[in-house]
């Protein structure tokens, strides 16, 4: 597994956790962080897109892409 894929997986996991936490805070505690929540959601989406493209062009990870 290349280092680039590991970096994007870390970014994806961390941004997903932050987006989930902010979404739960908005839903349960009515603390509005909607703009930041949307920013992290977009970061997760773009990270997954880049991961898919990287894995598609990598020979050993093509099936995952």
C-alpha atoms as a PDB file:
ATOM      1  CA  UNK A   1       0.000   0.000   0.000  1.00  0.00           C
ATOM      2  CA  UNK A   2       1.487   3.326  -0.994  1.00  0.00           C
ATOM      3  CA  UNK A   3       2.058   6.152   1.449  1.00  0.00           C
ATOM      4  CA  UNK A   4      -0.308   8.415  -0.492  1.00  0.00           C
ATOM      5  CA  UNK A   5      -3.179   5.991  -0.015  1.00  0.00           C
ATOM      6  CA  UNK A   6      -2.444   5.767   3.711  1.00  0.00           C
ATOM      7  CA  UNK A   7      -2.403   9.562   4.017  1.00  0.00           C
ATOM      8  CA  UNK A   8      -5.758   9.874   2.261  1.00  0.00           C
ATOM      9  CA  UNK A   9      -7.216   7.084   4.397  1.00  0.00           C
ATOM     10  CA  UNK A  10      -6.127   8.953   7.533  1.00  0.00           C
ATOM     11  CA  UNK A  11      -7.592  12.214   6.261  1.00  0.00           C
ATOM     12  CA  UNK A  12     -10.805  10.416   5.360  1.00  0.00           C
ATOM     13  CA  UNK A  13     -11.151   8.753   8.740  1.00  0.00           C
ATOM     14  CA  UNK A  14     -10.417  11.883  10.740  1.00  0.00           C
ATOM     15  CA  UNK A  15     -12.634  14.142   8.647  1.00  0.00           C
ATOM     16  CA  UNK A  16     -15.438  11.585   8.766  1.00  0.00           C
ATOM     17  CA  UNK A  17     -15.230  11.390  12.545  1.00  0.00           C
ATOM     18  CA  UNK A  18     -15.301  15.181  12.878  1.00  0.00           C
ATOM     19  CA  UNK A  19     -18.232  15.476  10.454  1.00  0.00           C
ATOM     20  CA  UNK A  20     -20.141  12.787  12.326  1.00  0.00           C
ATOM     21  CA  UNK A  21     -19.470  14.449  15.683  1.00  0.00           C
ATOM     22  CA  UNK A  22     -20.554  17.864  14.429  1.00  0.00           C
ATOM     23  CA  UNK A  23     -23.675  16.371  12.877  1.00  0.00           C
ATOM     24  CA  UNK A  24     -24.578  14.664  16.134  1.00  0.00           C
ATOM     25  CA  UNK A  25     -23.968  17.886  18.063  1.00  0.00           C
ATOM     26  CA  UNK A  26     -26.342  19.692  15.728  1.00  0.00           C
ATOM     27  CA  UNK A  27     -28.949  16.972  15.997  1.00  0.00           C
ATOM     28  CA  UNK A  28     -28.811  16.219  19.734  1.00  0.00           C
ATOM     29  CA  UNK A  29     -27.594  19.388  21.449  1.00  0.00           C
ATOM     30  CA  UNK A  30     -28.854  21.903  18.838  1.00  0.00           C
ATOM     31  CA  UNK A  31     -25.395  23.470  18.579  1.00  0.00           C
ATOM     32  CA  UNK A  32     -25.178  24.807  15.049  1.00  0.00           C
ATOM     33  CA  UNK A  33     -21.897  24.072  13.302  1.00  0.00           C
ATOM     34  CA  UNK A  34     -23.545  23.434   9.944  1.00  0.00           C
ATOM     35  CA  UNK A  35     -20.965  25.238   7.789  1.00  0.00           C
ATOM     36  CA  UNK A  36     -18.020  23.439   9.398  1.00  0.00           C
ATOM     37  CA  UNK A  37     -19.960  20.159   9.241  1.00  0.00           C
ATOM     38  CA  UNK A  38     -20.523  20.683   5.512  1.00  0.00           C
ATOM     39  CA  UNK A  39     -16.827  21.514   5.013  1.00  0.00           C
ATOM     40  CA  UNK A  40     -15.752  18.248   6.611  1.00  0.00           C
ATOM     41  CA  UNK A  41     -18.401  16.361   4.631  1.00  0.00           C
ATOM     42  CA  UNK A  42     -17.010  17.777   1.396  1.00  0.00           C
ATOM     43  CA  UNK A  43     -13.498  16.852   2.564  1.00  0.00           C
ATOM     44  CA  UNK A  44     -14.642  13.246   3.152  1.00  0.00           C
ATOM     45  CA  UNK A  45     -16.277  13.119  -0.283  1.00  0.00           C
ATOM     46  CA  UNK A  46     -13.238  14.486  -2.096  1.00  0.00           C
ATOM     47  CA  UNK A  47     -10.913  12.201  -0.138  1.00  0.00           C
ATOM     48  CA  UNK A  48     -12.977   9.156  -1.119  1.00  0.00           C
ATOM     49  CA  UNK A  49     -12.947  10.295  -4.742  1.00  0.00           C
ATOM     50  CA  UNK A  50      -9.160  10.710  -4.750  1.00  0.00           C
ATOM     51  CA  UNK A  51      -8.743   7.344  -2.992  1.00  0.00           C
ATOM     52  CA  UNK A  52     -10.870   5.641  -5.628  1.00  0.00           C
ATOM     53  CA  UNK A  53      -8.887   7.211  -8.450  1.00  0.00           C
ATOM     54  CA  UNK A  54      -5.535   6.352  -6.833  1.00  0.00           C
ATOM     55  CA  UNK A  55      -6.585   2.764  -6.275  1.00  0.00           C
ATOM     56  CA  UNK A  56      -7.948   2.457  -9.796  1.00  0.00           C
ATOM     57  CA  UNK A  57      -4.575   3.369 -11.290  1.00  0.00           C
ATOM     58  CA  UNK A  58      -2.566   1.283  -8.845  1.00  0.00           C
ATOM     59  CA  UNK A  59      -1.936  -2.249 -10.058  1.00  0.00           C
ATOM     60  CA  UNK A  60      -2.192  -4.088  -6.735  1.00  0.00           C
ATOM     61  CA  UNK A  61      -5.274  -2.172  -5.575  1.00  0.00           C
ATOM     62  CA  UNK A  62      -7.261  -1.982  -8.784  1.00  0.00           C
ATOM     63  CA  UNK A  63     -10.057  -4.221  -7.480  1.00  0.00           C
ATOM     64  CA  UNK A  64     -10.609  -1.851  -4.527  1.00  0.00           C
ATOM     65  CA  UNK A  65     -10.795   1.159  -6.841  1.00  0.00           C
END
